[in-house]
Amino acid sequence: LLDRLRAERRADPGAAHCWQDHLQRLAHDLRRV
């Protein structure tokens, strides 16, 4: 599941924002898990 979340972040072209956006998404993905 964690690998799939990481792959989804990489595959989402809208995710290529700044480092803060990326880490916020990562943190919220981890919280959901």
Full PDB file with SEQRES, HELIX, SHEET, SSBOND, CRYST1, ORIGX, SCALE, CONECT and MASTER records, all heavy atoms in Angstrom:
SEQRES   1 A   33  LEU LEU ASP ARG LEU ARG ALA GLU ARG ARG ALA ASP PRO          
SEQRES   2 A   33  GLY ALA ALA HIS CYS TRP GLN ASP HIS LEU GLN ARG LEU          
SEQRES   3 A   33  ALA HIS ASP LEU ARG ARG VAL                                  
HELIX    1 AA1 LEU A    2  ALA A   11  1                                  10    
HELIX    2 AA2 PRO A   13  ALA A   15  5                                   3    
HELIX    3 AA3 TRP A   19  ARG A   32  1                                  14    
CRYST1    1.000    1.000    1.000  90.00  90.00  90.00 P 1           1          
ORIGX1      1.000000  0.000000  0.000000        0.00000                         
ORIGX2      0.000000  1.000000  0.000000        0.00000                         
ORIGX3      0.000000  0.000000  1.000000        0.00000                         
SCALE1      1.000000  0.000000  0.000000        0.00000                         
SCALE2      0.000000  1.000000  0.000000        0.00000                         
SCALE3      0.000000  0.000000  1.000000        0.00000                         
ATOM      1  N   LEU A   1       0.835  -1.193   0.000  1.00  0.00           N  
ATOM      2  CA  LEU A   1       0.000   0.000   0.000  1.00  0.00           C  
ATOM      3  C   LEU A   1       0.876   1.251   0.000  1.00  0.00           C  
ATOM      4  O   LEU A   1       0.619   2.203  -0.739  1.00  0.00           O  
ATOM      5  CB  LEU A   1      -0.929  -0.008   1.218  1.00  0.00           C  
ATOM      6  CG  LEU A   1      -1.792   1.228   1.442  1.00  0.00           C  
ATOM      7  CD1 LEU A   1      -2.705   1.478   0.245  1.00  0.00           C  
ATOM      8  CD2 LEU A   1      -2.600   1.084   2.710  1.00  0.00           C  
ATOM      9  N   LEU A   2       1.913   1.251   0.791  1.00  0.00           N  
ATOM     10  CA  LEU A   2       2.818   2.399   0.833  1.00  0.00           C  
ATOM     11  C   LEU A   2       3.519   2.594  -0.513  1.00  0.00           C  
ATOM     12  O   LEU A   2       3.666   3.723  -0.990  1.00  0.00           O  
ATOM     13  CB  LEU A   2       3.844   2.223   1.954  1.00  0.00           C  
ATOM     14  CG  LEU A   2       3.258   2.192   3.364  1.00  0.00           C  
ATOM     15  CD1 LEU A   2       4.314   1.806   4.377  1.00  0.00           C  
ATOM     16  CD2 LEU A   2       2.620   3.512   3.717  1.00  0.00           C  
ATOM     17  N   ASP A   3       3.923   1.499  -1.138  1.00  0.00           N  
ATOM     18  CA  ASP A   3       4.533   1.583  -2.470  1.00  0.00           C  
ATOM     19  C   ASP A   3       3.541   2.147  -3.483  1.00  0.00           C  
ATOM     20  O   ASP A   3       3.898   2.960  -4.339  1.00  0.00           O  
ATOM     21  CB  ASP A   3       5.024   0.211  -2.931  1.00  0.00           C  
ATOM     22  CG  ASP A   3       6.261  -0.252  -2.192  1.00  0.00           C  
ATOM     23  OD1 ASP A   3       6.960   0.603  -1.590  1.00  0.00           O  
ATOM     24  OD2 ASP A   3       6.523  -1.467  -2.206  1.00  0.00           O  
ATOM     25  N   ARG A   4       2.286   1.734  -3.394  1.00  0.00           N  
ATOM     26  CA  ARG A   4       1.264   2.214  -4.321  1.00  0.00           C  
ATOM     27  C   ARG A   4       1.036   3.721  -4.124  1.00  0.00           C  
ATOM     28  O   ARG A   4       0.896   4.467  -5.101  1.00  0.00           O  
ATOM     29  CB  ARG A   4      -0.031   1.430  -4.135  1.00  0.00           C  
ATOM     30  CG  ARG A   4      -1.035   1.694  -5.223  1.00  0.00           C  
ATOM     31  CD  ARG A   4      -2.215   0.727  -5.231  1.00  0.00           C  
ATOM     32  NE  ARG A   4      -2.971   0.750  -4.004  1.00  0.00           N  
ATOM     33  CZ  ARG A   4      -3.083  -0.300  -3.158  1.00  0.00           C  
ATOM     34  NH1 ARG A   4      -2.500  -1.439  -3.425  1.00  0.00           N  
ATOM     35  NH2 ARG A   4      -3.808  -0.195  -2.069  1.00  0.00           N  
ATOM     36  N   LEU A   5       1.018   4.167  -2.868  1.00  0.00           N  
ATOM     37  CA  LEU A   5       0.864   5.596  -2.607  1.00  0.00           C  
ATOM     38  C   LEU A   5       2.021   6.391  -3.218  1.00  0.00           C  
ATOM     39  O   LEU A   5       1.815   7.461  -3.788  1.00  0.00           O  
ATOM     40  CB  LEU A   5       0.779   5.855  -1.100  1.00  0.00           C  
ATOM     41  CG  LEU A   5      -0.483   5.388  -0.400  1.00  0.00           C  
ATOM     42  CD1 LEU A   5      -0.328   5.523   1.108  1.00  0.00           C  
ATOM     43  CD2 LEU A   5      -1.691   6.147  -0.894  1.00  0.00           C  
ATOM     44  N   ARG A   6       3.226   5.869  -3.083  1.00  0.00           N  
ATOM     45  CA  ARG A   6       4.395   6.539  -3.653  1.00  0.00           C  
ATOM     46  C   ARG A   6       4.275   6.590  -5.177  1.00  0.00           C  
ATOM     47  O   ARG A   6       4.529   7.619  -5.797  1.00  0.00           O  
ATOM     48  CB  ARG A   6       5.683   5.840  -3.227  1.00  0.00           C  
ATOM     49  CG  ARG A   6       6.919   6.548  -3.729  1.00  0.00           C  
ATOM     50  CD  ARG A   6       8.232   6.018  -3.189  1.00  0.00           C  
ATOM     51  NE  ARG A   6       8.357   4.583  -3.257  1.00  0.00           N  
ATOM     52  CZ  ARG A   6       8.474   3.799  -2.181  1.00  0.00           C  
ATOM     53  NH1 ARG A   6       8.478   4.312  -0.966  1.00  0.00           N  
ATOM     54  NH2 ARG A   6       8.605   2.500  -2.325  1.00  0.00           N  
ATOM     55  N   ALA A   7       3.860   5.498  -5.790  1.00  0.00           N  
ATOM     56  CA  ALA A   7       3.699   5.455  -7.243  1.00  0.00           C  
ATOM     57  C   ALA A   7       2.615   6.440  -7.699  1.00  0.00           C  
ATOM     58  O   ALA A   7       2.770   7.097  -8.738  1.00  0.00           O  
ATOM     59  CB  ALA A   7       3.358   4.038  -7.687  1.00  0.00           C  
ATOM     60  N   GLU A   8       1.546   6.580  -6.937  1.00  0.00           N  
ATOM     61  CA  GLU A   8       0.490   7.529  -7.285  1.00  0.00           C  
ATOM     62  C   GLU A   8       1.007   8.961  -7.252  1.00  0.00           C  
ATOM     63  O   GLU A   8       0.665   9.772  -8.113  1.00  0.00           O  
ATOM     64  CB  GLU A   8      -0.697   7.381  -6.329  1.00  0.00           C  
ATOM     65  CG  GLU A   8      -1.501   6.120  -6.547  1.00  0.00           C  
ATOM     66  CD  GLU A   8      -2.525   5.878  -5.446  1.00  0.00           C  
ATOM     67  OE1 GLU A   8      -2.700   6.747  -4.552  1.00  0.00           O  
ATOM     68  OE2 GLU A   8      -3.149   4.802  -5.462  1.00  0.00           O  
ATOM     69  N   ARG A   9       1.843   9.276  -6.271  1.00  0.00           N  
ATOM     70  CA  ARG A   9       2.419  10.628  -6.210  1.00  0.00           C  
ATOM     71  C   ARG A   9       3.306  10.885  -7.420  1.00  0.00           C  
ATOM     72  O   ARG A   9       3.302  11.968  -7.991  1.00  0.00           O  
ATOM     73  CB  ARG A   9       3.209  10.831  -4.915  1.00  0.00           C  
ATOM     74  CG  ARG A   9       2.367  11.278  -3.754  1.00  0.00           C  
ATOM     75  CD  ARG A   9       3.195  11.773  -2.593  1.00  0.00           C  
ATOM     76  NE  ARG A   9       4.268  10.877  -2.229  1.00  0.00           N  
ATOM     77  CZ  ARG A   9       4.123   9.723  -1.564  1.00  0.00           C  
ATOM     78  NH1 ARG A   9       2.928   9.343  -1.184  1.00  0.00           N  
ATOM     79  NH2 ARG A   9       5.146   8.972  -1.263  1.00  0.00           N  
ATOM     80  N   ARG A  10       4.083   9.897  -7.816  1.00  0.00           N  
ATOM     81  CA  ARG A  10       4.963  10.061  -8.978  1.00  0.00           C  
ATOM     82  C   ARG A  10       4.169  10.171 -10.272  1.00  0.00           C  
ATOM     83  O   ARG A  10       4.564  10.888 -11.182  1.00  0.00           O  
ATOM     84  CB  ARG A  10       5.921   8.869  -9.078  1.00  0.00           C  
ATOM     85  CG  ARG A  10       7.008   8.894  -8.038  1.00  0.00           C  
ATOM     86  CD  ARG A  10       7.948   7.721  -8.241  1.00  0.00           C  
ATOM     87  NE  ARG A  10       8.966   7.703  -7.211  1.00  0.00           N  
ATOM     88  CZ  ARG A  10       9.603   6.617  -6.837  1.00  0.00           C  
ATOM     89  NH1 ARG A  10       9.341   5.454  -7.403  1.00  0.00           N  
ATOM     90  NH2 ARG A  10      10.514   6.677  -5.901  1.00  0.00           N  
ATOM     91  N   ALA A  11       3.073   9.435 -10.374  1.00  0.00           N  
ATOM     92  CA  ALA A  11       2.294   9.401 -11.611  1.00  0.00           C  
ATOM     93  C   ALA A  11       1.389  10.616 -11.773  1.00  0.00           C  
ATOM     94  O   ALA A  11       0.937  10.899 -12.881  1.00  0.00           O  
ATOM     95  CB  ALA A  11       1.453   8.128 -11.649  1.00  0.00           C  
ATOM     96  N   ASP A  12       1.126  11.340 -10.711  1.00  0.00           N  
ATOM     97  CA  ASP A  12       0.213  12.478 -10.758  1.00  0.00           C  
ATOM     98  C   ASP A  12       0.964  13.707 -11.265  1.00  0.00           C  
ATOM     99  O   ASP A  12       1.782  14.275 -10.543  1.00  0.00           O  
ATOM    100  CB  ASP A  12      -0.364  12.735  -9.366  1.00  0.00           C  
ATOM    101  CG  ASP A  12      -1.348  13.891  -9.328  1.00  0.00           C  
ATOM    102  OD1 ASP A  12      -1.595  14.514 -10.379  1.00  0.00           O  
ATOM    103  OD2 ASP A  12      -1.866  14.169  -8.233  1.00  0.00           O  
ATOM    104  N   PRO A  13       0.687  14.145 -12.503  1.00  0.00           N  
ATOM    105  CA  PRO A  13       1.427  15.295 -13.027  1.00  0.00           C  
ATOM    106  C   PRO A  13       1.167  16.571 -12.228  1.00  0.00           C  
ATOM    107  O   PRO A  13       2.003  17.458 -12.190  1.00  0.00           O  
ATOM    108  CB  PRO A  13       0.915  15.436 -14.462  1.00  0.00           C  
ATOM    109  CG  PRO A  13      -0.286  14.589 -14.568  1.00  0.00           C  
ATOM    110  CD  PRO A  13      -0.277  13.612 -13.427  1.00  0.00           C  
ATOM    111  N   GLY A  14       0.035  16.639 -11.550  1.00  0.00           N  
ATOM    112  CA  GLY A  14      -0.251  17.804 -10.709  1.00  0.00           C  
ATOM    113  C   GLY A  14       0.563  17.815  -9.431  1.00  0.00           C  
ATOM    114  O   GLY A  14       0.566  18.802  -8.703  1.00  0.00           O  
ATOM    115  N   ALA A  15       1.250  16.721  -9.145  1.00  0.00           N  
ATOM    116  CA  ALA A  15       2.015  16.630  -7.903  1.00  0.00           C  
ATOM    117  C   ALA A  15       3.380  17.284  -8.019  1.00  0.00           C  
ATOM    118  O   ALA A  15       4.089  17.388  -7.033  1.00  0.00           O  
ATOM    119  CB  ALA A  15       2.192  15.165  -7.503  1.00  0.00           C  
ATOM    120  N   ALA A  16       3.753  17.728  -9.217  1.00  0.00           N  
ATOM    121  CA  ALA A  16       5.086  18.294  -9.419  1.00  0.00           C  
ATOM    122  C   ALA A  16       5.120  19.753  -8.975  1.00  0.00           C  
ATOM    123  O   ALA A  16       5.520  20.630  -9.723  1.00  0.00           O  
ATOM    124  CB  ALA A  16       5.497  18.142 -10.875  1.00  0.00           C  
ATOM    125  N   HIS A  17       4.672  19.993  -7.765  1.00  0.00           N  
ATOM    126  CA  HIS A  17       4.692  21.338  -7.194  1.00  0.00           C  
ATOM    127  C   HIS A  17       5.986  21.503  -6.411  1.00  0.00           C  
ATOM    128  O   HIS A  17       6.943  20.780  -6.604  1.00  0.00           O  
ATOM    129  CB  HIS A  17       3.478  21.552  -6.282  1.00  0.00           C  
ATOM    130  CG  HIS A  17       2.170  21.417  -6.985  1.00  0.00           C  
ATOM    131  ND1 HIS A  17       1.740  22.308  -7.931  1.00  0.00           N  
ATOM    132  CD2 HIS A  17       1.205  20.480  -6.894  1.00  0.00           C  
ATOM    133  CE1 HIS A  17       0.567  21.934  -8.388  1.00  0.00           C  
ATOM    134  NE2 HIS A  17       0.208  20.825  -7.776  1.00  0.00           N  
ATOM    135  N   CYS A  18       5.963  22.388  -5.487  1.00  0.00           N  
ATOM    136  CA  CYS A  18       7.137  22.639  -4.662  1.00  0.00           C  
ATOM    137  C   CYS A  18       7.326  21.515  -3.631  1.00  0.00           C  
ATOM    138  O   CYS A  18       6.452  20.668  -3.435  1.00  0.00           O  
ATOM    139  CB  CYS A  18       7.005  23.984  -3.977  1.00  0.00           C  
ATOM    140  SG  CYS A  18       5.650  24.069  -2.788  1.00  0.00           S  
ATOM    141  N   TRP A  19       8.464  21.544  -2.994  1.00  0.00           N  
ATOM    142  CA  TRP A  19       8.797  20.502  -2.022  1.00  0.00           C  
ATOM    143  C   TRP A  19       7.791  20.472  -0.887  1.00  0.00           C  
ATOM    144  O   TRP A  19       7.453  19.403  -0.382  1.00  0.00           O  
ATOM    145  CB  TRP A  19      10.231  20.671  -1.504  1.00  0.00           C  
ATOM    146  CG  TRP A  19      10.498  21.946  -0.754  1.00  0.00           C  
ATOM    147  CD1 TRP A  19      10.944  23.135  -1.254  1.00  0.00           C  
ATOM    148  CD2 TRP A  19      10.328  22.155   0.655  1.00  0.00           C  
ATOM    149  NE1 TRP A  19      11.050  24.067  -0.258  1.00  0.00           N  
ATOM    150  CE2 TRP A  19      10.688  23.491   0.925  1.00  0.00           C  
ATOM    151  CE3 TRP A  19       9.901  21.340   1.706  1.00  0.00           C  
ATOM    152  CZ2 TRP A  19      10.647  24.040   2.207  1.00  0.00           C  
ATOM    153  CZ3 TRP A  19       9.858  21.883   2.985  1.00  0.00           C  
ATOM    154  CH2 TRP A  19      10.234  23.212   3.222  1.00  0.00           C  
ATOM    155  N   GLN A  20       7.256  21.634  -0.466  1.00  0.00           N  
ATOM    156  CA  GLN A  20       6.275  21.652   0.620  1.00  0.00           C  
ATOM    157  C   GLN A  20       5.019  20.883   0.234  1.00  0.00           C  
ATOM    158  O   GLN A  20       4.496  20.106   1.033  1.00  0.00           O  
ATOM    159  CB  GLN A  20       5.887  23.091   1.014  1.00  0.00           C  
ATOM    160  CG  GLN A  20       6.999  23.887   1.644  1.00  0.00           C  
ATOM    161  CD  GLN A  20       7.641  24.849   0.652  1.00  0.00           C  
ATOM    162  OE1 GLN A  20       7.748  24.563  -0.549  1.00  0.00           O  
ATOM    163  NE2 GLN A  20       8.081  25.986   1.150  1.00  0.00           N  
ATOM    164  N   ASP A  21       4.531  21.103  -0.978  1.00  0.00           N  
ATOM    165  CA  ASP A  21       3.331  20.389  -1.437  1.00  0.00           C  
ATOM    166  C   ASP A  21       3.568  18.882  -1.440  1.00  0.00           C  
ATOM    167  O   ASP A  21       2.718  18.104  -1.017  1.00  0.00           O  
ATOM    168  CB  ASP A  21       2.921  20.842  -2.844  1.00  0.00           C  
ATOM    169  CG  ASP A  21       2.400  22.259  -2.887  1.00  0.00           C  
ATOM    170  OD1 ASP A  21       1.984  22.784  -1.837  1.00  0.00           O  
ATOM    171  OD2 ASP A  21       2.416  22.849  -3.982  1.00  0.00           O  
ATOM    172  N   HIS A  22       4.721  18.485  -1.956  1.00  0.00           N  
ATOM    173  CA  HIS A  22       5.039  17.061  -2.029  1.00  0.00           C  
ATOM    174  C   HIS A  22       5.063  16.444  -0.630  1.00  0.00           C  
ATOM    175  O   HIS A  22       4.479  15.378  -0.401  1.00  0.00           O  
ATOM    176  CB  HIS A  22       6.389  16.858  -2.719  1.00  0.00           C  
ATOM    177  CG  HIS A  22       6.707  15.421  -2.960  1.00  0.00           C  
ATOM    178  ND1 HIS A  22       6.423  14.790  -4.146  1.00  0.00           N  
ATOM    179  CD2 HIS A  22       7.263  14.475  -2.152  1.00  0.00           C  
ATOM    180  CE1 HIS A  22       6.795  13.522  -4.068  1.00  0.00           C  
ATOM    181  NE2 HIS A  22       7.307  13.314  -2.866  1.00  0.00           N  
ATOM    182  N   LEU A  23       5.724  17.104   0.303  1.00  0.00           N  
ATOM    183  CA  LEU A  23       5.828  16.543   1.653  1.00  0.00           C  
ATOM    184  C   LEU A  23       4.495  16.596   2.395  1.00  0.00           C  
ATOM    185  O   LEU A  23       4.211  15.700   3.199  1.00  0.00           O  
ATOM    186  CB  LEU A  23       6.937  17.244   2.438  1.00  0.00           C  
ATOM    187  CG  LEU A  23       8.339  17.008   1.889  1.00  0.00           C  
ATOM    188  CD1 LEU A  23       9.377  17.722   2.759  1.00  0.00           C  
ATOM    189  CD2 LEU A  23       8.670  15.529   1.772  1.00  0.00           C  
ATOM    190  N   GLN A  24       3.670  17.585   2.112  1.00  0.00           N  
ATOM    191  CA  GLN A  24       2.328  17.594   2.704  1.00  0.00           C  
ATOM    192  C   GLN A  24       1.523  16.400   2.207  1.00  0.00           C  
ATOM    193  O   GLN A  24       0.844  15.733   2.990  1.00  0.00           O  
ATOM    194  CB  GLN A  24       1.590  18.896   2.384  1.00  0.00           C  
ATOM    195  CG  GLN A  24       2.032  20.050   3.230  1.00  0.00           C  
ATOM    196  CD  GLN A  24       1.264  21.319   2.920  1.00  0.00           C  
ATOM    197  OE1 GLN A  24       0.830  21.549   1.796  1.00  0.00           O  
ATOM    198  NE2 GLN A  24       1.105  22.151   3.936  1.00  0.00           N  
ATOM    199  N   ARG A  25       1.598  16.127   0.922  1.00  0.00           N  
ATOM    200  CA  ARG A  25       0.887  14.970   0.370  1.00  0.00           C  
ATOM    201  C   ARG A  25       1.414  13.679   0.971  1.00  0.00           C  
ATOM    202  O   ARG A  25       0.638  12.784   1.328  1.00  0.00           O  
ATOM    203  CB  ARG A  25       1.012  14.946  -1.153  1.00  0.00           C  
ATOM    204  CG  ARG A  25       0.227  16.069  -1.817  1.00  0.00           C  
ATOM    205  CD  ARG A  25       0.330  16.019  -3.318  1.00  0.00           C  
ATOM    206  NE  ARG A  25      -0.377  14.825  -3.764  1.00  0.00           N  
ATOM    207  CZ  ARG A  25      -0.235  14.299  -4.959  1.00  0.00           C  
ATOM    208  NH1 ARG A  25       0.576  14.829  -5.834  1.00  0.00           N  
ATOM    209  NH2 ARG A  25      -0.913  13.222  -5.305  1.00  0.00           N  
ATOM    210  N   LEU A  26       2.726  13.578   1.084  1.00  0.00           N  
ATOM    211  CA  LEU A  26       3.332  12.388   1.687  1.00  0.00           C  
ATOM    212  C   LEU A  26       2.841  12.210   3.122  1.00  0.00           C  
ATOM    213  O   LEU A  26       2.417  11.123   3.515  1.00  0.00           O  
ATOM    214  CB  LEU A  26       4.856  12.491   1.658  1.00  0.00           C  
ATOM    215  CG  LEU A  26       5.641  11.450   2.442  1.00  0.00           C  
ATOM    216  CD1 LEU A  26       5.382  10.047   1.907  1.00  0.00           C  
ATOM    217  CD2 LEU A  26       7.126  11.771   2.390  1.00  0.00           C  
ATOM    218  N   ALA A  27       2.869  13.273   3.899  1.00  0.00           N  
ATOM    219  CA  ALA A  27       2.445  13.190   5.300  1.00  0.00           C  
ATOM    220  C   ALA A  27       0.977  12.782   5.413  1.00  0.00           C  
ATOM    221  O   ALA A  27       0.621  11.930   6.238  1.00  0.00           O  
ATOM    222  CB  ALA A  27       2.678  14.531   5.996  1.00  0.00           C  
ATOM    223  N   HIS A  28       0.126  13.347   4.575  1.00  0.00           N  
ATOM    224  CA  HIS A  28      -1.293  12.998   4.633  1.00  0.00           C  
ATOM    225  C   HIS A  28      -1.548  11.584   4.117  1.00  0.00           C  
ATOM    226  O   HIS A  28      -2.435  10.890   4.634  1.00  0.00           O  
ATOM    227  CB  HIS A  28      -2.143  14.041   3.912  1.00  0.00           C  
ATOM    228  CG  HIS A  28      -2.289  15.296   4.707  1.00  0.00           C  
ATOM    229  ND1 HIS A  28      -3.184  15.432   5.744  1.00  0.00           N  
ATOM    230  CD2 HIS A  28      -1.609  16.468   4.653  1.00  0.00           C  
ATOM    231  CE1 HIS A  28      -3.073  16.622   6.282  1.00  0.00           C  
ATOM    232  NE2 HIS A  28      -2.121  17.278   5.644  1.00  0.00           N  
ATOM    233  N   ASP A  29      -0.768  11.139   3.139  1.00  0.00           N  
ATOM    234  CA  ASP A  29      -0.867   9.732   2.706  1.00  0.00           C  
ATOM    235  C   ASP A  29      -0.516   8.802   3.861  1.00  0.00           C  
ATOM    236  O   ASP A  29      -1.210   7.813   4.115  1.00  0.00           O  
ATOM    237  CB  ASP A  29       0.082   9.451   1.535  1.00  0.00           C  
ATOM    238  CG  ASP A  29      -0.382  10.030   0.212  1.00  0.00           C  
ATOM    239  OD1 ASP A  29      -1.552  10.467   0.121  1.00  0.00           O  
ATOM    240  OD2 ASP A  29       0.440  10.054  -0.731  1.00  0.00           O  
ATOM    241  N   LEU A  30       0.559   9.108   4.556  1.00  0.00           N  
ATOM    242  CA  LEU A  30       0.969   8.279   5.696  1.00  0.00           C  
ATOM    243  C   LEU A  30      -0.082   8.310   6.801  1.00  0.00           C  
ATOM    244  O   LEU A  30      -0.340   7.285   7.436  1.00  0.00           O  
ATOM    245  CB  LEU A  30       2.322   8.737   6.238  1.00  0.00           C  
ATOM    246  CG  LEU A  30       3.518   8.478   5.340  1.00  0.00           C  
ATOM    247  CD1 LEU A  30       4.778   9.126   5.933  1.00  0.00           C  
ATOM    248  CD2 LEU A  30       3.733   6.991   5.130  1.00  0.00           C  
ATOM    249  N   ARG A  31      -0.703   9.460   7.015  1.00  0.00           N  
ATOM    250  CA  ARG A  31      -1.745   9.549   8.043  1.00  0.00           C  
ATOM    251  C   ARG A  31      -2.935   8.673   7.687  1.00  0.00           C  
ATOM    252  O   ARG A  31      -3.493   7.981   8.541  1.00  0.00           O  
ATOM    253  CB  ARG A  31      -2.192  10.997   8.241  1.00  0.00           C  
ATOM    254  CG  ARG A  31      -3.187  11.146   9.394  1.00  0.00           C  
ATOM    255  CD  ARG A  31      -3.415  12.606   9.765  1.00  0.00           C  
ATOM    256  NE  ARG A  31      -4.245  12.653  10.955  1.00  0.00           N  
ATOM    257  CZ  ARG A  31      -5.578  12.792  10.922  1.00  0.00           C  
ATOM    258  NH1 ARG A  31      -6.215  12.914   9.773  1.00  0.00           N  
ATOM    259  NH2 ARG A  31      -6.265  12.807  12.054  1.00  0.00           N  
ATOM    260  N   ARG A  32      -3.336   8.676   6.414  1.00  0.00           N  
ATOM    261  CA  ARG A  32      -4.454   7.812   6.005  1.00  0.00           C  
ATOM    262  C   ARG A  32      -4.125   6.343   6.263  1.00  0.00           C  
ATOM    263  O   ARG A  32      -4.958   5.583   6.748  1.00  0.00           O  
ATOM    264  CB  ARG A  32      -4.792   8.038   4.529  1.00  0.00           C  
ATOM    265  CG  ARG A  32      -5.664   9.239   4.291  1.00  0.00           C  
ATOM    266  CD  ARG A  32      -6.230   9.284   2.884  1.00  0.00           C  
ATOM    267  NE  ARG A  32      -5.212   9.332   1.847  1.00  0.00           N  
ATOM    268  CZ  ARG A  32      -4.555  10.427   1.495  1.00  0.00           C  
ATOM    269  NH1 ARG A  32      -4.815  11.567   2.097  1.00  0.00           N  
ATOM    270  NH2 ARG A  32      -3.657  10.386   0.533  1.00  0.00           N  
ATOM    271  N   VAL A  33      -2.903   5.951   5.940  1.00  0.00           N  
ATOM    272  CA  VAL A  33      -2.484   4.564   6.181  1.00  0.00           C  
ATOM    273  C   VAL A  33      -2.462   4.273   7.676  1.00  0.00           C  
ATOM    274  O   VAL A  33      -2.952   3.229   8.121  1.00  0.00           O  
ATOM    275  CB  VAL A  33      -1.098   4.296   5.551  1.00  0.00           C  
ATOM    276  CG1 VAL A  33      -0.542   2.957   5.993  1.00  0.00           C  
ATOM    277  CG2 VAL A  33      -1.187   4.367   4.035  1.00  0.00           C  
TER     278      VAL A  33                                                      
MASTER        0    0    0    3    0    0    0    6  277    1    0    3          
END                                                                             
